[in-house]
Amino acid sequence: MGEWDLEIYGSRWSKLRLVTVTEHTDESQQRLRCRLATCWTLPAKLGFWVLTGAGLVTTAALGGQGWWALVPLAVPAGVAWRFARDQRNVRRVLAVVLEEVAESLGIRRLRQGAAPG
């Protein structure tokens, strides 16, 4: 298995990897930390690079014919923006699910940077 505990495919374009760590504190308590890391799936990576290559070939073929010859290079940027938005949505949904499950189990959340107490 990889370096994560759970991998969830949120859509065709993004996946989320959940990593958990449990710490035992001096106060005989346990602290559970979760890290949500998103990345592109293989079809997303392939699609992005195919569009980038096609944009470069098109721009080279139209080279020197005005600023609009650079427009095909904007397509991969738009696709990357869409994939990033999809990743944020997947991360947001799983964070809500984790908080609801923790609340149902009586686990309280420590805010990031807050001292335990």
PDB file of N, CA and C in Angstrom:
ATOM      1  N   MET A   1       0.833  -1.179   0.000  1.00  0.00           N
ATOM      2  CA  MET A   1       0.000   0.000   0.000  1.00  0.00           C
ATOM      3  C   MET A   1       0.882   1.248   0.000  1.00  0.00           C
ATOM      4  N   GLY A   2       0.318   2.351  -0.381  1.00  0.00           N
ATOM      5  CA  GLY A   2       1.068   3.595  -0.491  1.00  0.00           C
ATOM      6  C   GLY A   2       1.276   4.281   0.844  1.00  0.00           C
ATOM      7  N   GLU A   3       1.535   5.544   0.791  1.00  0.00           N
ATOM      8  CA  GLU A   3       1.818   6.340   1.984  1.00  0.00           C
ATOM      9  C   GLU A   3       0.549   6.944   2.578  1.00  0.00           C
ATOM     10  N   TRP A   4      -0.613   6.506   2.163  1.00  0.00           N
ATOM     11  CA  TRP A   4      -1.871   7.049   2.648  1.00  0.00           C
ATOM     12  C   TRP A   4      -2.733   5.910   3.177  1.00  0.00           C
ATOM     13  N   ASP A   5      -3.738   6.288   3.973  1.00  0.00           N
ATOM     14  CA  ASP A   5      -4.623   5.291   4.572  1.00  0.00           C
ATOM     15  C   ASP A   5      -5.834   4.987   3.703  1.00  0.00           C
ATOM     16  N   LEU A   6      -6.291   5.981   2.955  1.00  0.00           N
ATOM     17  CA  LEU A   6      -7.498   5.829   2.150  1.00  0.00           C
ATOM     18  C   LEU A   6      -7.375   6.696   0.912  1.00  0.00           C
ATOM     19  N   GLU A   7      -7.778   6.161  -0.226  1.00  0.00           N
ATOM     20  CA  GLU A   7      -7.774   6.930  -1.465  1.00  0.00           C
ATOM     21  C   GLU A   7      -9.192   6.912  -2.018  1.00  0.00           C
ATOM     22  N   ILE A   8      -9.734   8.098  -2.275  1.00  0.00           N
ATOM     23  CA  ILE A   8     -11.101   8.236  -2.743  1.00  0.00           C
ATOM     24  C   ILE A   8     -11.092   8.966  -4.080  1.00  0.00           C
ATOM     25  N   TYR A   9     -11.729   8.370  -5.064  1.00  0.00           N
ATOM     26  CA  TYR A   9     -11.876   9.039  -6.352  1.00  0.00           C
ATOM     27  C   TYR A   9     -13.141   9.882  -6.293  1.00  0.00           C
ATOM     28  N   GLY A  10     -12.958  11.190  -6.242  1.00  0.00           N
ATOM     29  CA  GLY A  10     -14.088  12.099  -6.128  1.00  0.00           C
ATOM     30  C   GLY A  10     -14.791  12.305  -7.441  1.00  0.00           C
ATOM     31  N   SER A  11     -14.056  12.237  -8.519  1.00  0.00           N
ATOM     32  CA  SER A  11     -14.617  12.377  -9.855  1.00  0.00           C
ATOM     33  C   SER A  11     -13.637  11.730 -10.816  1.00  0.00           C
ATOM     34  N   ARG A  12     -13.915  11.873 -12.083  1.00  0.00           N
ATOM     35  CA  ARG A  12     -13.012  11.335 -13.081  1.00  0.00           C
ATOM     36  C   ARG A  12     -11.675  12.080 -13.075  1.00  0.00           C
ATOM     37  N   TRP A  13     -11.687  13.319 -12.585  1.00  0.00           N
ATOM     38  CA  TRP A  13     -10.518  14.191 -12.727  1.00  0.00           C
ATOM     39  C   TRP A  13      -9.696  14.347 -11.460  1.00  0.00           C
ATOM     40  N   SER A  14     -10.226  14.032 -10.309  1.00  0.00           N
ATOM     41  CA  SER A  14      -9.459  14.239  -9.079  1.00  0.00           C
ATOM     42  C   SER A  14      -9.705  13.110  -8.082  1.00  0.00           C
ATOM     43  N   LYS A  15      -8.686  12.907  -7.257  1.00  0.00           N
ATOM     44  CA  LYS A  15      -8.793  11.912  -6.195  1.00  0.00           C
ATOM     45  C   LYS A  15      -8.231  12.527  -4.928  1.00  0.00           C
ATOM     46  N   LEU A  16      -8.637  11.966  -3.813  1.00  0.00           N
ATOM     47  CA  LEU A  16      -8.215  12.476  -2.519  1.00  0.00           C
ATOM     48  C   LEU A  16      -7.537  11.352  -1.755  1.00  0.00           C
ATOM     49  N   ARG A  17      -6.439  11.683  -1.117  1.00  0.00           N
ATOM     50  CA  ARG A  17      -5.729  10.720  -0.279  1.00  0.00           C
ATOM     51  C   ARG A  17      -5.797  11.196   1.162  1.00  0.00           C
ATOM     52  N   LEU A  18      -6.275  10.313   2.028  1.00  0.00           N
ATOM     53  CA  LEU A  18      -6.417  10.615   3.447  1.00  0.00           C
ATOM     54  C   LEU A  18      -5.292   9.931   4.207  1.00  0.00           C
ATOM     55  N   VAL A  19      -4.566  10.725   4.991  1.00  0.00           N
ATOM     56  CA  VAL A  19      -3.499  10.201   5.845  1.00  0.00           C
ATOM     57  C   VAL A  19      -3.876  10.537   7.279  1.00  0.00           C
ATOM     58  N   THR A  20      -3.844   9.542   8.153  1.00  0.00           N
ATOM     59  CA  THR A  20      -4.176   9.771   9.558  1.00  0.00           C
ATOM     60  C   THR A  20      -2.988   9.413  10.440  1.00  0.00           C
ATOM     61  N   VAL A  21      -2.873  10.141  11.552  1.00  0.00           N
ATOM     62  CA  VAL A  21      -1.830   9.894  12.545  1.00  0.00           C
ATOM     63  C   VAL A  21      -2.477  10.006  13.919  1.00  0.00           C
ATOM     64  N   THR A  22      -2.175   9.078  14.798  1.00  0.00           N
ATOM     65  CA  THR A  22      -2.677   9.134  16.169  1.00  0.00           C
ATOM     66  C   THR A  22      -1.505   9.415  17.097  1.00  0.00           C
ATOM     67  N   GLU A  23      -1.688  10.404  17.984  1.00  0.00           N
ATOM     68  CA  GLU A  23      -0.658  10.761  18.957  1.00  0.00           C
ATOM     69  C   GLU A  23      -1.195  10.517  20.360  1.00  0.00           C
ATOM     70  N   HIS A  24      -0.354  10.050  21.231  1.00  0.00           N
ATOM     71  CA  HIS A  24      -0.704   9.901  22.636  1.00  0.00           C
ATOM     72  C   HIS A  24      -0.078  11.079  23.386  1.00  0.00           C
ATOM     73  N   THR A  25      -0.900  11.854  24.078  1.00  0.00           N
ATOM     74  CA  THR A  25      -0.403  13.036  24.787  1.00  0.00           C
ATOM     75  C   THR A  25      -0.061  12.680  26.229  1.00  0.00           C
ATOM     76  N   ASP A  26       0.549  13.631  26.936  1.00  0.00           N
ATOM     77  CA  ASP A  26       0.917  13.421  28.340  1.00  0.00           C
ATOM     78  C   ASP A  26      -0.302  13.313  29.248  1.00  0.00           C
ATOM     79  N   GLU A  27      -1.415  13.897  28.822  1.00  0.00           N
ATOM     80  CA  GLU A  27      -2.633  13.899  29.645  1.00  0.00           C
ATOM     81  C   GLU A  27      -3.455  12.626  29.453  1.00  0.00           C
ATOM     82  N   SER A  28      -2.856  11.559  28.988  1.00  0.00           N
ATOM     83  CA  SER A  28      -3.539  10.285  28.727  1.00  0.00           C
ATOM     84  C   SER A  28      -4.685  10.461  27.739  1.00  0.00           C
ATOM     85  N   GLN A  29      -4.472  11.306  26.796  1.00  0.00           N
ATOM     86  CA  GLN A  29      -5.453  11.521  25.738  1.00  0.00           C
ATOM     87  C   GLN A  29      -4.833  11.105  24.412  1.00  0.00           C
ATOM     88  N   GLN A  30      -5.698  10.934  23.436  1.00  0.00           N
ATOM     89  CA  GLN A  30      -5.236  10.632  22.093  1.00  0.00           C
ATOM     90  C   GLN A  30      -5.630  11.774  21.170  1.00  0.00           C
ATOM     91  N   ARG A  31      -4.761  12.072  20.261  1.00  0.00           N
ATOM     92  CA  ARG A  31      -5.037  13.111  19.269  1.00  0.00           C
ATOM     93  C   ARG A  31      -4.959  12.451  17.897  1.00  0.00           C
ATOM     94  N   LEU A  32      -6.012  12.619  17.110  1.00  0.00           N
ATOM     95  CA  LEU A  32      -6.082  12.065  15.769  1.00  0.00           C
ATOM     96  C   LEU A  32      -5.931  13.209  14.770  1.00  0.00           C
ATOM     97  N   ARG A  33      -4.955  13.107  13.914  1.00  0.00           N
ATOM     98  CA  ARG A  33      -4.739  14.134  12.888  1.00  0.00           C
ATOM     99  C   ARG A  33      -5.049  13.529  11.525  1.00  0.00           C
ATOM    100  N   CYS A  34      -5.718  14.322  10.695  1.00  0.00           N
ATOM    101  CA  CYS A  34      -6.064  13.885   9.344  1.00  0.00           C
ATOM    102  C   CYS A  34      -5.494  14.877   8.336  1.00  0.00           C
ATOM    103  N   ARG A  35      -4.894  14.363   7.306  1.00  0.00           N
ATOM    104  CA  ARG A  35      -4.397  15.208   6.220  1.00  0.00           C
ATOM    105  C   ARG A  35      -5.126  14.794   4.943  1.00  0.00           C
ATOM    106  N   LEU A  36      -5.723  15.774   4.293  1.00  0.00           N
ATOM    107  CA  LEU A  36      -6.431  15.546   3.042  1.00  0.00           C
ATOM    108  C   LEU A  36      -5.584  16.106   1.907  1.00  0.00           C
ATOM    109  N   ALA A  37      -5.109  15.239   1.039  1.00  0.00           N
ATOM    110  CA  ALA A  37      -4.284  15.665  -0.096  1.00  0.00           C
ATOM    111  C   ALA A  37      -4.980  15.249  -1.387  1.00  0.00           C
ATOM    112  N   THR A  38      -5.181  16.210  -2.268  1.00  0.00           N
ATOM    113  CA  THR A  38      -5.822  15.909  -3.539  1.00  0.00           C
ATOM    114  C   THR A  38      -4.799  15.941  -4.664  1.00  0.00           C
ATOM    115  N   CYS A  39      -5.099  15.193  -5.708  1.00  0.00           N
ATOM    116  CA  CYS A  39      -4.249  15.201  -6.898  1.00  0.00           C
ATOM    117  C   CYS A  39      -5.091  14.808  -8.110  1.00  0.00           C
ATOM    118  N   TRP A  40      -4.521  14.983  -9.280  1.00  0.00           N
ATOM    119  CA  TRP A  40      -5.209  14.632 -10.515  1.00  0.00           C
ATOM    120  C   TRP A  40      -5.153  13.124 -10.728  1.00  0.00           C
ATOM    121  N   THR A  41      -6.179  12.601 -11.360  1.00  0.00           N
ATOM    122  CA  THR A  41      -6.172  11.190 -11.744  1.00  0.00           C
ATOM    123  C   THR A  41      -5.369  11.032 -13.031  1.00  0.00           C
ATOM    124  N   LEU A  42      -5.105   9.798 -13.425  1.00  0.00           N
ATOM    125  CA  LEU A  42      -4.358   9.545 -14.654  1.00  0.00           C
ATOM    126  C   LEU A  42      -5.079  10.109 -15.885  1.00  0.00           C
ATOM    127  N   PRO A  43      -6.400   9.920 -16.049  1.00  0.00           N
ATOM    128  CA  PRO A  43      -7.063  10.527 -17.206  1.00  0.00           C
ATOM    129  C   PRO A  43      -6.950  12.057 -17.228  1.00  0.00           C
ATOM    130  N   ALA A  44      -6.958  12.688 -16.055  1.00  0.00           N
ATOM    131  CA  ALA A  44      -6.813  14.139 -15.999  1.00  0.00           C
ATOM    132  C   ALA A  44      -5.415  14.558 -16.452  1.00  0.00           C
ATOM    133  N   LYS A  45      -4.402  13.846 -15.983  1.00  0.00           N
ATOM    134  CA  LYS A  45      -3.032  14.164 -16.392  1.00  0.00           C
ATOM    135  C   LYS A  45      -2.841  13.968 -17.891  1.00  0.00           C
ATOM    136  N   LEU A  46      -3.332  12.847 -18.401  1.00  0.00           N
ATOM    137  CA  LEU A  46      -3.207  12.584 -19.837  1.00  0.00           C
ATOM    138  C   LEU A  46      -3.943  13.637 -20.659  1.00  0.00           C
ATOM    139  N   GLY A  47      -5.167  13.949 -20.256  1.00  0.00           N
ATOM    140  CA  GLY A  47      -5.944  14.953 -20.976  1.00  0.00           C
ATOM    141  C   GLY A  47      -5.278  16.314 -20.979  1.00  0.00           C
ATOM    142  N   PHE A  48      -4.738  16.713 -19.826  1.00  0.00           N
ATOM    143  CA  PHE A  48      -4.067  18.008 -19.728  1.00  0.00           C
ATOM    144  C   PHE A  48      -2.871  18.071 -20.669  1.00  0.00           C
ATOM    145  N   TRP A  49      -2.039  17.034 -20.654  1.00  0.00           N
ATOM    146  CA  TRP A  49      -0.833  17.073 -21.480  1.00  0.00           C
ATOM    147  C   TRP A  49      -1.144  16.921 -22.965  1.00  0.00           C
ATOM    148  N   VAL A  50      -2.190  16.194 -23.308  1.00  0.00           N
ATOM    149  CA  VAL A  50      -2.601  16.125 -24.720  1.00  0.00           C
ATOM    150  C   VAL A  50      -3.067  17.500 -25.186  1.00  0.00           C
ATOM    151  N   LEU A  51      -3.873  18.175 -24.372  1.00  0.00           N
ATOM    152  CA  LEU A  51      -4.324  19.523 -24.731  1.00  0.00           C
ATOM    153  C   LEU A  51      -3.163  20.504 -24.799  1.00  0.00           C
ATOM    154  N   THR A  52      -2.223  20.387 -23.885  1.00  0.00           N
ATOM    155  CA  THR A  52      -1.047  21.265 -23.912  1.00  0.00           C
ATOM    156  C   THR A  52      -0.234  21.030 -25.179  1.00  0.00           C
ATOM    157  N   GLY A  53      -0.005  19.775 -25.535  1.00  0.00           N
ATOM    158  CA  GLY A  53       0.729  19.465 -26.766  1.00  0.00           C
ATOM    159  C   GLY A  53       0.015  19.966 -28.006  1.00  0.00           C
ATOM    160  N   ALA A  54      -1.301  19.758 -28.043  1.00  0.00           N
ATOM    161  CA  ALA A  54      -2.071  20.247 -29.188  1.00  0.00           C
ATOM    162  C   ALA A  54      -2.031  21.768 -29.267  1.00  0.00           C
ATOM    163  N   GLY A  55      -2.077  22.422 -28.107  1.00  0.00           N
ATOM    164  CA  GLY A  55      -1.996  23.884 -28.093  1.00  0.00           C
ATOM    165  C   GLY A  55      -0.655  24.385 -28.584  1.00  0.00           C
ATOM    166  N   LEU A  56       0.425  23.707 -28.193  1.00  0.00           N
ATOM    167  CA  LEU A  56       1.762  24.096 -28.653  1.00  0.00           C
ATOM    168  C   LEU A  56       1.923  23.893 -30.154  1.00  0.00           C
ATOM    169  N   VAL A  57       1.426  22.766 -30.664  1.00  0.00           N
ATOM    170  CA  VAL A  57       1.513  22.506 -32.104  1.00  0.00           C
ATOM    171  C   VAL A  57       0.702  23.536 -32.879  1.00  0.00           C
ATOM    172  N   THR A  58      -0.502  23.837 -32.396  1.00  0.00           N
ATOM    173  CA  THR A  58      -1.354  24.827 -33.064  1.00  0.00           C
ATOM    174  C   THR A  58      -0.711  26.206 -33.026  1.00  0.00           C
ATOM    175  N   THR A  59      -0.164  26.583 -31.894  1.00  0.00           N
ATOM    176  CA  THR A  59       0.493  27.887 -31.771  1.00  0.00           C
ATOM    177  C   THR A  59       1.707  27.963 -32.700  1.00  0.00           C
ATOM    178  N   ALA A  60       2.471  26.886 -32.804  1.00  0.00           N
ATOM    179  CA  ALA A  60       3.635  26.878 -33.698  1.00  0.00           C
ATOM    180  C   ALA A  60       3.196  26.977 -35.158  1.00  0.00           C
ATOM    181  N   ALA A  61       2.088  26.304 -35.497  1.00  0.00           N
ATOM    182  CA  ALA A  61       1.600  26.347 -36.879  1.00  0.00           C
ATOM    183  C   ALA A  61       1.073  27.734 -37.240  1.00  0.00           C
ATOM    184  N   LEU A  62       0.506  28.441 -36.268  1.00  0.00           N
ATOM    185  CA  LEU A  62      -0.046  29.778 -36.510  1.00  0.00           C
ATOM    186  C   LEU A  62       0.913  30.881 -36.108  1.00  0.00           C
ATOM    187  N   GLY A  63       2.133  30.524 -35.767  1.00  0.00           N
ATOM    188  CA  GLY A  63       3.106  31.474 -35.232  1.00  0.00           C
ATOM    189  C   GLY A  63       3.268  32.720 -36.093  1.00  0.00           C
ATOM    190  N   GLY A  64       3.335  33.866 -35.411  1.00  0.00           N
ATOM    191  CA  GLY A  64       3.554  35.130 -36.099  1.00  0.00           C
ATOM    192  C   GLY A  64       2.334  35.703 -36.781  1.00  0.00           C
ATOM    193  N   GLN A  65       1.172  35.162 -36.541  1.00  0.00           N
ATOM    194  CA  GLN A  65      -0.034  35.652 -37.209  1.00  0.00           C
ATOM    195  C   GLN A  65      -0.949  36.400 -36.256  1.00  0.00           C
ATOM    196  N   GLY A  66      -0.390  37.056 -35.252  1.00  0.00           N
ATOM    197  CA  GLY A  66      -1.205  37.851 -34.339  1.00  0.00           C
ATOM    198  C   GLY A  66      -1.282  37.218 -32.960  1.00  0.00           C
ATOM    199  N   TRP A  67      -1.815  38.007 -32.029  1.00  0.00           N
ATOM    200  CA  TRP A  67      -1.915  37.555 -30.649  1.00  0.00           C
ATOM    201  C   TRP A  67      -2.872  36.383 -30.498  1.00  0.00           C
ATOM    202  N   TRP A  68      -3.867  36.281 -31.375  1.00  0.00           N
ATOM    203  CA  TRP A  68      -4.861  35.215 -31.263  1.00  0.00           C
ATOM    204  C   TRP A  68      -4.252  33.844 -31.524  1.00  0.00           C
ATOM    205  N   ALA A  69      -3.044  33.800 -32.073  1.00  0.00           N
ATOM    206  CA  ALA A  69      -2.367  32.515 -32.281  1.00  0.00           C
ATOM    207  C   ALA A  69      -1.986  31.876 -30.945  1.00  0.00           C
ATOM    208  N   LEU A  70      -1.956  32.686 -29.881  1.00  0.00           N
ATOM    209  CA  LEU A  70      -1.632  32.153 -28.548  1.00  0.00           C
ATOM    210  C   LEU A  70      -2.860  31.627 -27.803  1.00  0.00           C
ATOM    211  N   VAL A  71      -4.041  31.837 -28.343  1.00  0.00           N
ATOM    212  CA  VAL A  71      -5.282  31.420 -27.675  1.00  0.00           C
ATOM    213  C   VAL A  71      -5.317  29.918 -27.381  1.00  0.00           C
ATOM    214  N   PRO A  72      -4.834  29.048 -28.286  1.00  0.00           N
ATOM    215  CA  PRO A  72      -4.872  27.611 -27.943  1.00  0.00           C
ATOM    216  C   PRO A  72      -4.119  27.253 -26.666  1.00  0.00           C
ATOM    217  N   LEU A  73      -3.185  28.093 -26.235  1.00  0.00           N
ATOM    218  CA  LEU A  73      -2.470  27.812 -24.989  1.00  0.00           C
ATOM    219  C   LEU A  73      -3.308  28.135 -23.761  1.00  0.00           C
ATOM    220  N   ALA A  74      -4.397  28.884 -23.944  1.00  0.00           N
ATOM    221  CA  ALA A  74      -5.266  29.202 -22.818  1.00  0.00           C
ATOM    222  C   ALA A  74      -6.156  28.022 -22.440  1.00  0.00           C
ATOM    223  N   VAL A  75      -6.376  27.116 -23.365  1.00  0.00           N
ATOM    224  CA  VAL A  75      -7.253  25.970 -23.091  1.00  0.00           C
ATOM    225  C   VAL A  75      -6.702  25.099 -21.955  1.00  0.00           C
ATOM    226  N   PRO A  76      -5.415  24.699 -21.985  1.00  0.00           N
ATOM    227  CA  PRO A  76      -4.911  23.905 -20.848  1.00  0.00           C
ATOM    228  C   PRO A  76      -4.978  24.658 -19.519  1.00  0.00           C
ATOM    229  N   ALA A  77      -4.796  25.977 -19.551  1.00  0.00           N
ATOM    230  CA  ALA A  77      -4.902  26.760 -18.307  1.00  0.00           C
ATOM    231  C   ALA A  77      -6.322  26.692 -17.755  1.00  0.00           C
ATOM    232  N   GLY A  78      -7.308  26.776 -18.624  1.00  0.00           N
ATOM    233  CA  GLY A  78      -8.702  26.659 -18.188  1.00  0.00           C
ATOM    234  C   GLY A  78      -9.020  25.278 -17.645  1.00  0.00           C
ATOM    235  N   VAL A  79      -8.457  24.265 -18.282  1.00  0.00           N
ATOM    236  CA  VAL A  79      -8.664  22.885 -17.818  1.00  0.00           C
ATOM    237  C   VAL A  79      -8.019  22.696 -16.446  1.00  0.00           C
ATOM    238  N   ALA A  80      -6.815  23.230 -16.266  1.00  0.00           N
ATOM    239  CA  ALA A  80      -6.136  23.119 -14.966  1.00  0.00           C
ATOM    240  C   ALA A  80      -6.938  23.834 -13.884  1.00  0.00           C
ATOM    241  N   TRP A  81      -7.521  24.984 -14.203  1.00  0.00           N
ATOM    242  CA  TRP A  81      -8.369  25.699 -13.244  1.00  0.00           C
ATOM    243  C   TRP A  81      -9.581  24.844 -12.871  1.00  0.00           C
ATOM    244  N   ARG A  82     -10.185  24.204 -13.854  1.00  0.00           N
ATOM    245  CA  ARG A  82     -11.359  23.356 -13.607  1.00  0.00           C
ATOM    246  C   ARG A  82     -10.988  22.168 -12.724  1.00  0.00           C
ATOM    247  N   PHE A  83      -9.831  21.564 -12.972  1.00  0.00           N
ATOM    248  CA  PHE A  83      -9.392  20.438 -12.154  1.00  0.00           C
ATOM    249  C   PHE A  83      -9.118  20.883 -10.719  1.00  0.00           C
ATOM    250  N   ALA A  84      -8.527  22.069 -10.544  1.00  0.00           N
ATOM    251  CA  ALA A  84      -8.262  22.595  -9.199  1.00  0.00           C
ATOM    252  C   ALA A  84      -9.563  22.847  -8.460  1.00  0.00           C
ATOM    253  N   ARG A  85     -10.565  23.363  -9.149  1.00  0.00           N
ATOM    254  CA  ARG A  85     -11.874  23.583  -8.527  1.00  0.00           C
ATOM    255  C   ARG A  85     -12.510  22.254  -8.120  1.00  0.00           C
ATOM    256  N   ASP A  86     -12.360  21.248  -8.955  1.00  0.00           N
ATOM    257  CA  ASP A  86     -12.881  19.922  -8.646  1.00  0.00           C
ATOM    258  C   ASP A  86     -12.185  19.348  -7.415  1.00  0.00           C
ATOM    259  N   GLN A  87     -10.870  19.558  -7.290  1.00  0.00           N
ATOM    260  CA  GLN A  87     -10.135  19.083  -6.120  1.00  0.00           C
ATOM    261  C   GLN A  87     -10.622  19.768  -4.851  1.00  0.00           C
ATOM    262  N   ARG A  88     -10.851  21.083  -4.911  1.00  0.00           N
ATOM    263  CA  ARG A  88     -11.359  21.804  -3.731  1.00  0.00           C
ATOM    264  C   ARG A  88     -12.709  21.255  -3.304  1.00  0.00           C
ATOM    265  N   ASN A  89     -13.571  20.947  -4.268  1.00  0.00           N
ATOM    266  CA  ASN A  89     -14.886  20.405  -3.937  1.00  0.00           C
ATOM    267  C   ASN A  89     -14.780  19.035  -3.270  1.00  0.00           C
ATOM    268  N   VAL A  90     -13.917  18.186  -3.777  1.00  0.00           N
ATOM    269  CA  VAL A  90     -13.741  16.852  -3.183  1.00  0.00           C
ATOM    270  C   VAL A  90     -13.213  16.980  -1.759  1.00  0.00           C
ATOM    271  N   ARG A  91     -12.220  17.853  -1.561  1.00  0.00           N
ATOM    272  CA  ARG A  91     -11.636  18.057  -0.231  1.00  0.00           C
ATOM    273  C   ARG A  91     -12.674  18.620   0.737  1.00  0.00           C
ATOM    274  N   ARG A  92     -13.497  19.563   0.264  1.00  0.00           N
ATOM    275  CA  ARG A  92     -14.520  20.178   1.104  1.00  0.00           C
ATOM    276  C   ARG A  92     -15.562  19.151   1.537  1.00  0.00           C
ATOM    277  N   VAL A  93     -16.011  18.320   0.611  1.00  0.00           N
ATOM    278  CA  VAL A  93     -17.037  17.320   0.933  1.00  0.00           C
ATOM    279  C   VAL A  93     -16.511  16.309   1.943  1.00  0.00           C
ATOM    280  N   LEU A  94     -15.295  15.816   1.741  1.00  0.00           N
ATOM    281  CA  LEU A  94     -14.767  14.833   2.688  1.00  0.00           C
ATOM    282  C   LEU A  94     -14.500  15.459   4.052  1.00  0.00           C
ATOM    283  N   ALA A  95     -14.097  16.716   4.088  1.00  0.00           N
ATOM    284  CA  ALA A  95     -13.883  17.381   5.383  1.00  0.00           C
ATOM    285  C   ALA A  95     -15.189  17.461   6.157  1.00  0.00           C
ATOM    286  N   VAL A  96     -16.271  17.747   5.477  1.00  0.00           N
ATOM    287  CA  VAL A  96     -17.582  17.800   6.144  1.00  0.00           C
ATOM    288  C   VAL A  96     -17.966  16.418   6.656  1.00  0.00           C
ATOM    289  N   VAL A  97     -17.754  15.395   5.854  1.00  0.00           N
ATOM    290  CA  VAL A  97     -18.076  14.021   6.282  1.00  0.00           C
ATOM    291  C   VAL A  97     -17.250  13.636   7.500  1.00  0.00           C
ATOM    292  N   LEU A  98     -15.947  13.946   7.479  1.00  0.00           N
ATOM    293  CA  LEU A  98     -15.096  13.621   8.625  1.00  0.00           C
ATOM    294  C   LEU A  98     -15.562  14.347   9.885  1.00  0.00           C
ATOM    295  N   GLU A  99     -15.925  15.612   9.761  1.00  0.00           N
ATOM    296  CA  GLU A  99     -16.398  16.360  10.936  1.00  0.00           C
ATOM    297  C   GLU A  99     -17.695  15.791  11.479  1.00  0.00           C
ATOM    298  N   GLU A 100     -18.604  15.377  10.602  1.00  0.00           N
ATOM    299  CA  GLU A 100     -19.871  14.794  11.063  1.00  0.00           C
ATOM    300  C   GLU A 100     -19.649  13.450  11.749  1.00  0.00           C
ATOM    301  N   VAL A 101     -18.764  12.638  11.209  1.00  0.00           N
ATOM    302  CA  VAL A 101     -18.469  11.345  11.834  1.00  0.00           C
ATOM    303  C   VAL A 101     -17.804  11.559  13.189  1.00  0.00           C
ATOM    304  N   ALA A 102     -16.862  12.480  13.257  1.00  0.00           N
ATOM    305  CA  ALA A 102     -16.183  12.766  14.523  1.00  0.00           C
ATOM    306  C   ALA A 102     -17.174  13.268  15.564  1.00  0.00           C
ATOM    307  N   GLU A 103     -18.083  14.137  15.154  1.00  0.00           N
ATOM    308  CA  GLU A 103     -19.086  14.657  16.093  1.00  0.00           C
ATOM    309  C   GLU A 103     -19.991  13.544  16.597  1.00  0.00           C
ATOM    310  N   SER A 104     -20.358  12.620  15.711  1.00  0.00           N
ATOM    311  CA  SER A 104     -21.232  11.522  16.141  1.00  0.00           C
ATOM    312  C   SER A 104     -20.511  10.574  17.096  1.00  0.00           C
ATOM    313  N   LEU A 105     -19.174  10.539  17.031  1.00  0.00           N
ATOM    314  CA  LEU A 105     -18.388   9.691  17.936  1.00  0.00           C
ATOM    315  C   LEU A 105     -17.945  10.424  19.193  1.00  0.00           C
ATOM    316  N   GLY A 106     -18.302  11.701  19.302  1.00  0.00           N
ATOM    317  CA  GLY A 106     -17.940  12.480  20.477  1.00  0.00           C
ATOM    318  C   GLY A 106     -16.512  12.997  20.448  1.00  0.00           C
ATOM    319  N   ILE A 107     -15.940  13.080  19.288  1.00  0.00           N
ATOM    320  CA  ILE A 107     -14.576  13.596  19.157  1.00  0.00           C
ATOM    321  C   ILE A 107     -14.665  15.089  18.891  1.00  0.00           C
ATOM    322  N   ARG A 108     -13.940  15.865  19.692  1.00  0.00           N
ATOM    323  CA  ARG A 108     -13.977  17.309  19.484  1.00  0.00           C
ATOM    324  C   ARG A 108     -12.792  17.725  18.635  1.00  0.00           C
ATOM    325  N   ARG A 109     -13.007  18.785  17.908  1.00  0.00           N
ATOM    326  CA  ARG A 109     -11.987  19.244  16.969  1.00  0.00           C
ATOM    327  C   ARG A 109     -11.098  20.303  17.602  1.00  0.00           C
ATOM    328  N   LEU A 110      -9.794  20.115  17.450  1.00  0.00           N
ATOM    329  CA  LEU A 110      -8.841  21.143  17.832  1.00  0.00           C
ATOM    330  C   LEU A 110      -8.583  22.004  16.610  1.00  0.00           C
ATOM    331  N   ARG A 111      -8.742  23.287  16.766  1.00  0.00           N
ATOM    332  CA  ARG A 111      -8.479  24.172  15.639  1.00  0.00           C
ATOM    333  C   ARG A 111      -6.978  24.197  15.363  1.00  0.00           C
ATOM    334  N   GLN A 112      -6.622  24.375  14.125  1.00  0.00           N
ATOM    335  CA  GLN A 112      -5.211  24.383  13.731  1.00  0.00           C
ATOM    336  C   GLN A 112      -4.490  25.514  14.454  1.00  0.00           C
ATOM    337  N   GLY A 113      -3.385  25.178  15.087  1.00  0.00           N
ATOM    338  CA  GLY A 113      -2.595  26.171  15.798  1.00  0.00           C
ATOM    339  C   GLY A 113      -3.060  26.374  17.239  1.00  0.00           C
ATOM    340  N   ALA A 114      -4.158  25.759  17.644  1.00  0.00           N
ATOM    341  CA  ALA A 114      -4.657  25.925  19.010  1.00  0.00           C
ATOM    342  C   ALA A 114      -3.917  24.976  19.951  1.00  0.00           C
ATOM    343  N   ALA A 115      -3.664  25.466  21.133  1.00  0.00           N
ATOM    344  CA  ALA A 115      -3.009  24.635  22.150  1.00  0.00           C
ATOM    345  C   ALA A 115      -4.044  23.707  22.758  1.00  0.00           C
ATOM    346  N   PRO A 116      -3.700  22.429  22.960  1.00  0.00           N
ATOM    347  CA  PRO A 116      -4.663  21.523  23.585  1.00  0.00           C
ATOM    348  C   PRO A 116      -4.935  21.929  25.021  1.00  0.00           C
ATOM    349  N   GLY A 117      -6.172  21.683  25.434  1.00  0.00           N
ATOM    350  CA  GLY A 117      -6.446  22.071  26.815  1.00  0.00           C
ATOM    351  C   GLY A 117      -7.781  21.772  27.282  1.00  0.00           C
TER     352      GLY A 117
END
